[in-house]
Protein backbone atom coordinates (compact mmCIF):
# COMPACT_ATOMS: atom_id res chain seq x y z
CA MET A 1 40.10 25.56 6.80
CA LYS A 2 40.31 28.04 9.74
CA LEU A 3 37.30 29.91 8.39
CA HIS A 4 35.33 26.65 8.12
CA THR A 5 36.26 25.66 11.71
CA LYS A 6 35.37 29.10 13.07
CA ARG A 7 31.99 28.97 11.33
CA ASN A 8 31.26 25.55 12.82
CA SER A 9 32.20 26.77 16.32
CA THR A 10 29.90 29.76 15.98
CA ILE A 11 27.04 27.53 14.89
CA LEU A 12 27.60 25.17 17.82
CA ILE A 13 27.53 28.05 20.33
CA LEU A 14 24.33 29.38 18.77
CA LEU A 15 22.70 25.96 18.87
CA HIS A 16 23.54 25.49 22.55
CA PHE A 17 22.02 28.89 23.28
CA LEU A 18 18.85 28.06 21.36
CA PHE A 19 18.53 24.73 23.12
CA LEU A 20 18.73 26.39 26.56
CA ALA A 21 16.30 29.09 25.51
CA PHE A 22 13.70 26.58 24.35
CA SER A 23 14.25 24.35 27.38
CA PHE A 24 13.13 27.12 29.73
CA GLY A 25 10.34 28.32 27.47
CA GLN A 26 6.69 27.33 27.34
CA CYS A 27 6.97 24.75 24.53
CA LYS A 28 5.28 21.36 24.93
CA LEU A 29 8.58 19.56 25.19
CA ASN A 30 7.18 16.26 26.42
CA LEU A 31 5.64 15.41 23.07
CA ASN A 32 7.67 13.13 20.79
CA ASN A 33 6.63 14.05 17.27
CA PRO A 34 9.20 15.49 14.85
CA ALA A 35 6.34 16.88 12.73
CA ASP A 36 4.88 18.94 15.62
CA PRO A 37 6.50 22.41 15.82
CA PHE A 38 5.83 22.50 19.58
CA SER A 39 7.35 19.12 20.39
CA LYS A 40 10.74 18.23 21.80
CA SER A 41 11.48 16.05 18.77
CA PHE A 42 10.73 18.92 16.40
CA LEU A 43 13.16 21.13 18.29
CA GLU A 44 15.79 18.41 18.36
CA THR A 45 15.36 17.80 14.63
CA PHE A 46 15.62 21.53 13.87
CA LEU A 47 18.81 21.84 15.91
CA LEU A 48 20.28 18.68 14.40
CA ASN A 49 19.56 19.85 10.85
CA ALA A 50 21.25 23.18 11.54
CA TYR A 51 24.20 21.40 13.08
CA PHE A 52 24.49 18.91 10.21
CA ASP A 53 24.44 21.72 7.66
CA SER A 54 27.69 22.93 9.16
CA PHE A 55 29.32 19.71 7.90
CA CYS A 56 28.64 20.62 4.28
CA ASP A 57 31.90 20.66 2.33
CA PRO A 58 31.50 20.89 -1.47
CA ASN A 59 35.21 20.21 -2.04
CA VAL A 60 35.53 16.66 -0.71
CA ARG A 61 37.10 14.08 -3.01
CA GLY A 62 37.20 10.31 -2.60
CA ASN A 63 36.90 6.94 -4.29
CA ILE A 64 36.13 3.53 -2.82
CA ARG A 65 36.10 0.26 -4.77
CA LEU A 66 34.82 -3.10 -3.59
CA GLY A 67 34.87 -6.50 -5.24
CA SER A 68 37.45 -8.91 -6.62
CA GLY A 69 36.47 -8.38 -10.24
CA THR A 70 35.56 -12.06 -10.64
CA LYS A 71 32.03 -12.15 -9.17
CA MET A 72 28.80 -10.18 -9.47
CA ILE A 73 27.94 -7.10 -7.40
CA LYS A 74 24.79 -5.09 -8.12
CA PRO A 75 24.69 -1.58 -6.62
CA MET A 76 21.24 -0.74 -5.24
CA SER A 77 20.59 2.36 -3.13
CA ILE A 78 22.79 5.31 -2.31
CA LYS A 79 21.73 7.87 0.27
CA THR A 80 23.63 10.90 1.46
CA LEU A 81 23.08 11.56 5.15
CA ARG A 82 22.69 14.86 6.99
CA SER A 83 25.94 14.16 8.86
CA GLY A 84 27.86 14.25 5.57
CA LYS A 85 28.28 10.48 5.53
CA THR A 86 27.00 8.21 2.75
CA VAL A 87 25.19 4.90 3.08
CA VAL A 88 25.27 2.43 0.19
CA THR A 89 23.39 -0.82 -0.35
CA ALA A 90 24.15 -3.55 -2.87
CA ILE A 91 23.69 -7.22 -3.67
CA THR A 92 26.94 -9.16 -3.73
CA GLU A 93 27.86 -12.67 -4.80
CA GLU A 94 31.09 -12.56 -2.79
CA PRO A 95 32.34 -11.30 0.58
CA LEU A 96 33.64 -7.74 0.24
CA VAL A 97 37.00 -6.82 1.71
CA TRP A 98 36.88 -3.57 3.67
CA ASN A 99 39.40 -2.22 6.20
CA GLY A 100 41.31 -5.51 5.98
CA THR A 101 38.40 -7.87 6.66
CA ALA A 102 35.56 -9.47 4.70
CA ASP A 103 33.37 -9.95 7.79
CA GLY A 104 30.25 -7.97 8.53
CA ILE A 105 30.00 -6.34 11.94
CA HIS A 106 26.98 -8.53 12.81
CA SER A 107 26.61 -11.12 10.05
CA ASN A 108 28.93 -12.55 7.43
CA HIS A 109 28.34 -13.36 3.77
CA GLN A 110 26.36 -16.61 3.45
CA ASN A 111 26.52 -19.62 1.13
CA SER A 112 28.57 -18.15 -1.77
CA THR A 113 25.45 -16.66 -3.31
CA PHE A 114 23.81 -13.24 -3.53
CA ASN A 115 23.60 -11.40 -0.20
CA ALA A 116 22.30 -7.96 0.70
CA VAL A 117 25.07 -5.71 1.97
CA THR A 118 25.22 -2.18 3.33
CA PHE A 119 28.10 0.07 4.32
CA VAL A 120 28.61 3.62 5.56
CA ILE A 121 31.36 5.92 4.25
CA ASP A 122 32.72 8.71 6.46
CA ARG A 123 32.04 12.34 5.56
CA HIS A 124 35.62 12.84 4.35
CA PHE A 125 35.12 9.96 1.92
CA SER A 126 38.32 8.36 3.17
CA LYS A 127 37.12 5.05 4.63
CA ILE A 128 34.24 2.69 5.30
CA LEU A 129 33.08 3.09 8.90
CA TRP A 130 31.22 -0.22 9.01
CA LEU A 131 29.79 -2.89 6.73
CA ASP A 132 27.17 -5.56 7.36
CA TYR A 133 25.39 -8.31 5.45
CA LEU A 134 21.60 -8.20 5.88
CA GLY A 135 20.75 -11.65 4.57
CA GLU A 136 20.81 -14.04 1.65
CA MET A 137 19.03 -13.15 -1.61
CA SER A 138 19.39 -16.35 -3.64
CA TYR A 139 15.74 -16.58 -4.70
CA GLY A 140 16.34 -14.96 -8.10
CA ILE A 141 17.33 -11.33 -8.70
CA GLU A 142 17.08 -9.61 -12.07
CA ASP A 143 20.31 -8.55 -13.78
CA TRP A 144 18.98 -4.99 -13.87
CA PRO A 145 16.65 -4.42 -10.88
CA HIS A 146 14.69 -1.23 -11.43
CA ASP A 147 13.57 -0.61 -7.86
CA PRO A 148 15.84 -0.20 -4.81
CA ILE A 149 15.34 -3.72 -3.45
CA VAL A 150 17.87 -3.20 -0.66
CA SER A 151 16.13 -0.13 0.69
CA VAL A 152 17.46 2.37 3.25
CA ASP A 153 16.33 5.67 4.75
CA GLU A 154 17.33 7.96 7.63
CA PHE A 155 15.51 8.61 10.90
CA SER A 156 15.45 12.12 12.38
CA ASN A 157 18.22 11.25 14.87
CA GLY A 158 20.46 9.84 12.13
CA ASP A 159 19.68 6.15 12.66
CA LEU A 160 19.27 4.09 9.49
CA GLY A 161 16.26 1.95 8.61
CA PHE A 162 16.59 -1.06 6.27
CA PHE A 163 14.00 -3.11 4.39
CA VAL A 164 14.96 -6.05 2.19
CA LEU A 165 13.51 -9.40 1.12
CA VAL A 166 15.80 -12.23 2.23
CA ASN A 167 15.85 -16.01 2.37
CA GLY A 168 18.07 -18.46 4.23
CA PRO A 169 18.46 -18.61 8.01
CA GLY A 170 17.17 -15.71 10.06
CA ARG A 171 19.10 -13.70 12.61
CA SER A 172 18.82 -14.15 16.36
CA ASN A 173 17.87 -11.42 18.86
CA THR A 174 14.95 -10.15 16.81
CA ILE A 175 11.63 -8.64 17.82
CA ASN A 176 9.94 -10.98 15.35
CA ASP A 177 11.48 -14.24 14.14
CA LYS A 178 11.75 -15.30 10.51
CA VAL A 179 9.20 -18.10 9.98
CA ASN A 180 9.13 -18.50 6.19
CA ASN A 181 11.82 -19.28 3.64
CA VAL A 182 11.49 -15.75 2.24
CA SER A 183 10.68 -12.82 4.54
CA TYR A 184 11.25 -9.08 4.72
CA TYR A 185 14.11 -8.05 7.01
CA LEU A 186 13.50 -4.82 8.93
CA GLY A 187 16.25 -3.19 10.96
CA ARG A 188 17.22 0.04 12.66
CA TYR A 189 20.97 0.70 12.93
CA ASN A 190 23.05 3.39 14.57
CA GLN A 191 24.58 5.39 11.74
CA ASP A 192 27.95 5.96 13.37
CA THR A 193 28.74 2.52 14.81
CA GLY A 194 26.40 0.13 13.03
CA ALA A 195 24.98 -0.99 16.38
CA ILE A 196 21.53 -2.56 15.95
CA VAL A 197 18.79 -0.64 17.76
CA TRP A 198 16.22 -3.30 16.85
CA GLN A 199 15.64 -5.81 14.08
CA GLY A 200 13.01 -8.30 13.02
CA TYR A 201 11.21 -9.93 10.12
CA ALA A 202 7.92 -9.03 8.48
CA ASN A 203 6.60 -12.43 7.42
CA LYS A 204 4.24 -13.10 4.53
CA ASP A 205 2.76 -16.24 3.04
CA ASN A 206 5.39 -17.26 0.47
CA THR A 207 2.70 -18.20 -2.05
CA ARG A 208 1.69 -14.53 -1.99
CA ILE A 209 5.05 -12.76 -1.92
CA ALA A 210 6.62 -10.88 -4.86
CA ILE A 211 10.40 -10.56 -5.16
CA SER A 212 10.25 -6.96 -6.38
CA GLY A 213 7.97 -3.96 -6.02
CA TYR A 214 8.90 -3.07 -2.46
CA GLY A 215 10.73 -0.27 -0.66
CA LEU A 216 11.07 1.89 2.45
CA LYS A 217 10.68 5.57 3.24
CA ILE A 218 10.67 7.21 6.69
CA ASN A 219 8.09 9.93 7.31
CA ASP A 220 8.16 13.06 9.47
CA ARG A 221 6.85 11.05 12.42
CA ASP A 222 9.85 8.71 12.27
CA GLU A 223 7.63 5.90 11.02
CA MET A 224 8.77 3.35 8.45
CA VAL A 225 6.42 3.47 5.46
CA LEU A 226 6.78 0.13 3.68
CA ARG A 227 5.64 -0.56 0.13
CA PHE A 228 5.20 -4.21 -0.82
CA THR A 229 3.50 -6.39 -3.42
CA SER A 230 1.09 -9.28 -2.96
CA THR A 231 0.51 -12.01 -5.55
CA THR A 232 -2.11 -14.66 -6.10
CA SER A 233 -1.46 -18.29 -6.94
CA ALA A 234 -2.87 -20.24 -9.87
CA THR A 235 -6.09 -20.42 -7.85
CA PRO A 236 -6.71 -16.75 -7.06
CA SER A 237 -8.15 -15.39 -3.82
CA SER A 238 -8.09 -12.09 -1.96
CA ASP A 239 -5.18 -11.34 0.39
CA THR A 240 -6.72 -10.45 3.76
CA VAL A 241 -3.55 -11.02 5.82
CA GLY A 242 -0.79 -8.86 4.34
CA LEU A 243 2.38 -8.63 6.45
CA SER A 244 2.75 -10.30 9.83
CA PHE A 245 4.66 -8.11 12.31
CA PRO A 246 4.24 -7.26 16.02
CA GLY A 247 1.34 -4.87 16.55
CA LEU A 248 0.45 -4.71 12.86
CA PRO A 249 -3.28 -5.27 12.31
CA THR A 250 -4.64 -7.08 9.26
CA PRO A 251 -5.13 -4.91 6.16
CA GLN A 252 -7.91 -2.34 6.25
CA THR A 253 -8.65 -3.21 2.63
CA ALA A 254 -7.84 -6.57 1.04
CA THR A 255 -6.55 -7.18 -2.47
CA ASN A 256 -8.88 -7.83 -5.39
CA GLY A 257 -7.35 -11.26 -5.94
CA SER A 258 -9.52 -12.30 -8.87
CA ILE A 259 -6.87 -13.32 -11.44
CA ALA A 260 -4.22 -16.05 -11.33
CA ASN A 261 -0.73 -14.68 -10.55
CA GLN A 262 -2.15 -11.20 -10.00
CA THR A 263 0.08 -8.55 -8.38
CA GLU A 264 -1.27 -5.71 -6.20
CA VAL A 265 0.34 -3.01 -4.07
CA GLY A 266 0.19 -2.65 -0.30
CA ILE A 267 1.47 -0.12 2.22
CA ALA A 268 2.30 -0.82 5.87
CA ILE A 269 3.44 1.65 8.53
CA ILE A 270 5.75 0.61 11.38
CA SER A 271 6.71 2.92 14.24
CA GLY A 272 10.33 3.88 14.74
CA ASP A 273 10.33 1.63 17.81
CA GLY A 274 9.39 -1.40 15.73
CA VAL A 275 5.66 -1.64 16.41
CA GLY A 276 3.15 -2.12 13.59
CA LYS A 277 0.48 0.57 13.17
CA ILE A 278 -1.56 0.13 9.99
CA GLN A 279 -1.53 -1.65 6.63
CA SER A 280 -3.78 -1.73 3.60
CA PHE A 281 -3.91 -2.76 -0.03
CA PHE A 282 -4.98 -0.63 -2.97
CA PRO A 283 -7.08 -3.16 -4.89
CA ASN A 284 -6.96 -3.31 -8.65
CA PRO A 285 -8.94 -5.82 -10.75
CA GLY A 286 -6.31 -5.92 -13.52
CA ASN A 287 -2.98 -7.67 -13.81
CA PRO A 288 -0.22 -6.76 -13.39
CA THR A 289 0.03 -3.81 -11.05
CA GLU A 290 3.68 -3.01 -10.36
CA THR A 291 5.26 -0.20 -8.38
CA VAL A 292 8.63 1.42 -9.02
CA ASP A 293 9.06 3.74 -6.03
CA HIS A 294 7.25 5.74 -3.40
CA PHE A 295 7.97 8.98 -1.54
CA VAL A 296 6.59 10.40 1.70
CA ILE A 297 6.21 14.18 1.81
CA GLY A 298 4.28 15.65 4.72
CA ASP A 299 1.31 13.40 5.41
CA LYS A 300 1.04 12.16 1.81
CA ILE A 301 2.43 9.00 0.23
CA TYR A 302 3.24 9.31 -3.48
CA ILE A 303 3.23 5.96 -5.31
CA PHE A 304 4.54 5.51 -8.86
CA GLY A 305 4.10 2.50 -11.09
CA ASN A 306 2.30 0.79 -13.94
CA THR A 307 -0.99 -1.08 -14.18
CA ASN A 308 -3.32 -2.68 -16.71
CA THR A 309 -6.52 -1.06 -15.49
CA ASN A 310 -8.00 1.43 -13.03
CA PHE A 311 -7.62 1.01 -9.30
CA VAL A 312 -10.94 0.45 -7.56
CA SER A 313 -13.01 3.67 -7.36
CA THR A 314 -10.74 5.54 -9.81
CA SER A 315 -10.89 6.20 -13.55
CA GLY A 316 -8.82 7.58 -16.41
CA HIS A 317 -6.70 4.62 -17.56
CA PRO A 318 -5.90 5.36 -21.23
CA SER A 319 -6.09 1.76 -22.49
CA VAL A 320 -7.67 -0.79 -20.15
CA ASN A 321 -6.08 -4.26 -20.23
CA GLU A 322 -2.75 -2.85 -21.42
CA LYS A 323 0.06 -1.62 -19.21
CA ARG A 324 0.12 2.14 -18.63
CA SER A 325 1.65 4.35 -15.94
CA PHE A 326 0.11 5.88 -12.83
CA ILE A 327 0.84 8.47 -10.16
CA GLY A 328 -1.08 7.93 -6.93
CA ILE A 329 -1.36 10.04 -3.79
CA ALA A 330 -2.44 8.21 -0.64
CA ASN A 331 -3.09 9.64 2.82
CA GLN A 332 -2.06 8.43 6.27
CA ASN A 333 -5.27 6.39 6.46
CA LEU A 334 -3.98 4.46 3.44
CA THR A 335 -6.74 5.38 1.04
CA TRP A 336 -6.34 7.18 -2.27
CA ASP A 337 -6.66 10.95 -2.39
CA SER A 338 -6.19 10.83 -6.16
CA VAL A 339 -4.74 8.70 -8.94
CA GLY A 340 -3.69 9.90 -12.38
CA TYR A 341 -2.93 7.70 -15.39
CA PHE A 342 -0.97 8.41 -18.55
CA GLY A 343 0.44 6.66 -21.59
CA THR A 344 -0.33 5.82 -25.16
CA SER A 345 -3.87 4.92 -26.17
CA ALA A 346 -2.55 2.83 -29.08
CA SER A 347 -3.37 -0.87 -28.81
CA THR A 348 -0.70 -3.58 -28.30
CA SER A 349 1.61 -0.92 -26.82
CA GLU A 350 3.16 -0.35 -23.41
CA THR A 351 4.06 2.69 -21.33
CA ASN A 352 6.22 2.00 -18.26
CA ILE A 353 7.63 4.22 -15.54
CA GLU A 354 11.02 2.75 -14.62
CA PHE A 355 12.66 5.37 -12.40
CA VAL A 356 11.57 8.31 -10.22
CA THR A 357 13.59 10.96 -8.41
CA TYR A 358 12.61 14.10 -6.53
CA GLY A 359 13.99 17.59 -6.07
CA ASN A 360 12.78 21.10 -5.27
CA GLY A 361 9.10 20.19 -5.20
CA LYS A 362 9.15 18.23 -8.46
CA PHE A 363 9.25 14.55 -9.35
CA LEU A 364 11.13 13.43 -12.45
CA LEU A 365 9.74 10.24 -13.98
CA ILE A 366 11.69 8.32 -16.61
CA GLY A 367 10.52 5.28 -18.52
CA LYS A 368 9.84 3.83 -21.94
CA SER A 369 6.90 3.76 -24.29
CA THR A 370 6.42 1.83 -27.52
CA ASN A 371 4.12 4.47 -28.98
CA ALA A 372 3.44 8.20 -28.82
CA PHE A 373 1.10 9.82 -26.31
CA SER A 374 0.13 13.22 -24.90
CA ASN A 375 1.69 16.28 -26.50
CA ALA A 376 1.35 18.37 -23.31
CA GLY A 377 4.44 20.59 -23.19
CA THR A 378 6.30 18.34 -25.62
CA LEU A 379 9.41 19.92 -27.09
CA TYR A 380 10.92 16.65 -28.35
CA PRO A 381 8.26 14.41 -29.92
CA PHE A 382 8.18 10.63 -30.09
CA GLN A 383 10.62 9.25 -32.67
CA GLY A 384 9.63 6.62 -35.21
CA SER A 385 6.28 4.98 -35.79
CA GLY A 386 4.60 1.76 -34.76
CA LEU A 387 6.08 -0.19 -31.87
CA ASN A 388 9.30 1.80 -31.66
CA ARG A 389 10.54 1.98 -28.07
CA ASN A 390 11.50 5.49 -26.87
CA TYR A 391 12.62 6.86 -23.52
CA PHE A 392 10.17 9.33 -22.04
CA PHE A 393 10.67 11.99 -19.37
CA THR A 394 7.86 13.65 -17.45
CA SER A 395 7.40 15.65 -14.28
CA SER A 396 4.73 16.12 -11.64
CA THR A 397 4.58 18.30 -8.56
CA ILE A 398 3.54 17.87 -4.94
CA ASN A 399 -0.23 17.35 -4.52
CA SER A 400 -0.70 16.64 -8.22
CA THR A 401 -1.14 13.44 -10.22
CA THR A 402 -1.12 15.24 -13.57
CA PRO A 403 2.23 15.45 -15.41
CA ASN A 404 3.27 18.95 -16.43
CA TRP A 405 5.13 18.01 -19.61
CA PHE A 406 6.33 15.02 -21.65
CA GLN A 407 9.59 14.70 -23.57
CA PHE A 408 10.80 11.78 -25.68
CA LEU A 409 14.25 10.53 -26.55
CA GLY A 410 14.63 7.93 -29.26
CA SER A 411 15.49 7.22 -32.86
CA THR A 412 13.56 6.77 -36.06
CA THR A 413 15.67 3.74 -36.98
CA VAL A 414 16.36 1.76 -33.78
CA GLN A 415 14.73 1.14 -30.40
CA VAL A 416 16.33 2.37 -27.18
CA PRO A 417 17.82 -0.36 -24.92
CA GLN A 418 15.60 -2.23 -22.49
CA ILE A 419 17.95 -1.76 -19.50
CA TYR A 420 16.43 0.43 -16.80
CA PRO A 421 17.50 4.07 -16.40
CA ASN A 422 18.20 4.80 -12.73
CA ALA A 423 21.05 7.27 -12.54
CA PHE A 424 19.31 10.66 -12.43
CA THR A 425 19.25 13.17 -9.59
CA TYR A 426 18.38 16.78 -8.85
CA ARG A 427 21.25 19.27 -8.44
CA SER A 428 20.28 22.32 -6.40
CA THR A 429 23.12 24.64 -7.39
CA THR A 430 22.15 24.53 -11.06
CA ASP A 431 18.42 23.77 -10.62
CA GLU A 432 18.48 20.83 -13.00
CA PHE A 433 17.87 17.12 -13.25
CA LEU A 434 20.91 15.32 -14.60
CA GLY A 435 21.87 11.73 -15.25
CA GLU A 436 23.03 9.12 -17.70
CA LEU A 437 21.29 6.65 -20.01
CA LEU A 438 22.41 3.88 -22.30
CA ALA A 439 22.52 5.14 -25.87
CA ASN A 440 21.40 3.18 -28.92
CA ASP A 441 23.02 -0.24 -29.17
CA ASP A 442 24.38 0.51 -32.65
CA GLY A 443 26.10 3.70 -31.47
CA SER A 444 23.84 6.01 -33.48
CA LEU A 445 22.64 9.30 -32.02
CA PHE A 446 19.07 9.99 -30.96
CA THR A 447 17.02 11.86 -33.53
CA GLY A 448 14.75 14.89 -33.14
CA ILE A 449 17.13 16.84 -30.86
CA PRO A 450 18.50 20.25 -31.98
CA SER A 451 22.14 19.88 -32.96
CA ASP A 452 23.28 22.78 -30.77
CA LEU A 453 22.36 20.73 -27.67
CA VAL A 454 24.41 17.69 -28.71
CA THR A 455 28.09 17.01 -28.06
CA GLY A 456 30.35 13.96 -28.10
CA SER A 457 30.20 10.69 -30.00
CA ILE A 458 30.31 6.92 -29.49
CA GLN A 459 32.94 4.57 -30.92
CA ASN A 460 32.91 1.62 -28.49
CA PRO A 461 30.27 -0.81 -27.15
CA PHE A 462 27.98 0.22 -24.27
CA GLY A 463 27.74 3.83 -25.42
CA GLN A 464 26.03 6.25 -23.08
CA VAL A 465 24.56 9.72 -23.01
CA ARG A 466 24.67 12.33 -20.24
CA ALA A 467 21.54 14.48 -20.11
CA LYS A 468 20.58 17.65 -18.25
CA LEU A 469 16.98 18.84 -18.08
CA VAL A 470 15.24 22.02 -16.95
CA PRO A 471 12.70 20.93 -14.28
CA GLN A 472 10.09 23.51 -15.23
CA SER A 473 9.81 22.53 -18.91
CA GLY A 474 11.75 19.34 -19.57
CA GLN A 475 13.95 21.17 -22.06
CA PHE A 476 17.33 19.54 -22.51
CA LYS A 477 20.26 21.74 -21.57
CA THR A 478 22.74 19.32 -23.11
CA LEU A 479 23.04 15.77 -24.44
CA GLU A 480 26.61 14.52 -24.27
CA TYR A 481 27.52 11.15 -25.85
CA PHE A 482 30.48 9.18 -24.52
CA ASN A 483 31.96 5.69 -24.51
CA GLY A 484 30.97 3.34 -21.71
CA SER A 485 33.90 1.05 -22.47
CA GLU A 486 37.34 1.03 -23.99
CA ALA A 487 38.18 -0.24 -27.47
CA GLY A 488 36.86 -3.73 -28.11
CA GLY A 489 34.33 -3.44 -25.29
CA ASN A 490 36.88 -3.81 -22.50
CA ASN A 491 36.65 -2.18 -19.05
CA VAL A 492 32.97 -1.28 -19.03
CA THR A 493 32.00 1.49 -16.59
CA THR A 494 28.35 2.37 -16.00
CA LEU A 495 26.81 4.87 -13.59
CA THR A 496 24.05 3.13 -11.62
CA ASN A 497 22.99 5.81 -9.17
CA GLN A 498 23.88 9.29 -8.00
CA THR A 499 22.63 11.86 -5.54
CA GLU A 500 23.59 15.34 -4.40
CA ILE A 501 25.19 15.48 -0.97
CA CYS A 502 26.30 19.07 -0.55
CA ARG A 503 26.02 22.30 -2.57
CA GLY A 504 26.33 20.67 -5.96
CA ARG A 505 28.71 17.88 -4.95
CA ILE A 506 27.45 14.52 -6.19
CA VAL A 507 28.05 11.02 -4.83
CA LYS A 508 27.96 8.32 -7.51
CA THR A 509 27.90 4.55 -7.65
CA LYS A 510 29.19 2.73 -10.72
CA PHE A 511 29.69 -0.85 -11.69
CA LEU A 512 32.84 -1.96 -13.48
CA SER A 513 33.09 -5.07 -15.65
CA PRO A 514 36.18 -6.38 -17.48
CA THR A 515 34.42 -6.83 -20.84
CA PHE A 516 31.16 -6.04 -22.57
CA SER A 517 30.34 -9.77 -22.71
CA SER A 518 30.83 -10.18 -18.92
CA VAL A 519 28.47 -7.40 -17.82
CA THR A 520 25.74 -9.85 -16.76
CA SER A 521 28.12 -12.07 -14.78
CA ILE A 522 31.03 -10.00 -13.42
CA ARG A 523 30.86 -6.58 -11.79
CA SER A 524 32.68 -4.70 -9.06
CA ILE A 525 31.43 -1.49 -7.44
CA GLU A 526 32.90 1.99 -7.20
CA VAL A 527 31.55 4.79 -5.00
CA SER A 528 33.05 8.21 -5.63
CA THR A 529 32.69 11.95 -5.17
CA ARG A 530 34.64 15.00 -6.30
CA PRO A 531 34.43 18.76 -5.79
CA ALA A 532 31.28 20.32 -7.16
CA SER A 533 33.34 22.61 -9.37
CA GLU A 534 34.63 19.59 -11.29
CA GLU A 535 31.22 18.12 -12.10
CA PRO A 536 30.22 18.37 -15.77
């Protein structure tokens, strides 16, 4: 402990010295751009990052549970912050009791239905610092949402940005009022206190709004990069309006809008001060086009999803008019730099990306396919024949839309479950992607995997498998089977998300349900961490 404190003090003294040195130097300190090495914001961000690194403690342990065990809570996002704190988002059917109260610091739970909720856990993992409800979400949420529909990211100064689709009454004291039944809530909160810096609503014609396929990332310029989805009605037409928000111009490019109930992806960029800058759609004449996630690295926006045909001015879709996966790279002008497609060429089949994570310059994509495709770098081939659903794993790198390898996980006798995989992360200390998946419903093991990689077994319902992959090749390090419930299907526990916070220490969210039969109606939430040395 004394050594840790002494190291922190040394770092603080060094940072103060550096700050004074730069202040009297010839840097262009009046500029406010965290991406500019000569700007004040860049210097501040550099110093803050160095300071925050001093908080890294791989030996922290903690466990926080929320929920009565009689209602439904769906964990959404989990993000570890540079300060060592953790922010969690979820959708809850009930008020959550924290620090002796069920009230939010700004808004309370509304109307005994699903509400978006967020809370911040201190860096010692000993308590919730604050909790707030962001709005009602009673318009119909899937049991297993596969994109982070209560989305959060961190600004360079530690503030938190939120983006979520809500209905019900809007908040007061906003920079843009809620005018439709369903609108996107945008907010910037102070990380430490939960104080609202600004908040408002991005409105959209409710006949053109999709209840999934949206998310938020914050770029190096402290801008909020919003991904959203537009739909057509039974009488299709092009969407030329997009999102309505202060300062936000109409889309540079409209949707295709030629098919009834067509879905297409849009991107909008909002400044960190809450002023709209640019928005555009990426038109596609097919239907559907759905997105799973996006990432902002440098000045590029990486978009991952599935579509039935080629985006306008692109080519390479393996089976037009059937759903296949895509990786797209867009620039800050919101036009494509490149788009790559992959998936089976077999007819009446589907290939779907369902989850994406990033680490050490590589994206890990996980999904399902009902037929075999590319053998590029495949160590574990597709299992079964015909329409036999398998998991697939693939990886791409920065500035590339071409996957480096494909691996499959399935069985010759049974299809893998339809529930979305979303509990993988990159661990830096071991240079691996690791996570958990639902195993076969009948408890059988996956086929086609060398026996020396496999451990464990399944005896109870909701069996699961813990997997570790080598990022460079997709080779499995281990596949460990384990029970996701106790005997008779009681006390179900399922990992829903995890992320590395500090030198191999992982923060995890799980849902807990009293029985296998109640999983779709009753869940509570657990957020936990333990020393890195104890992680499997």
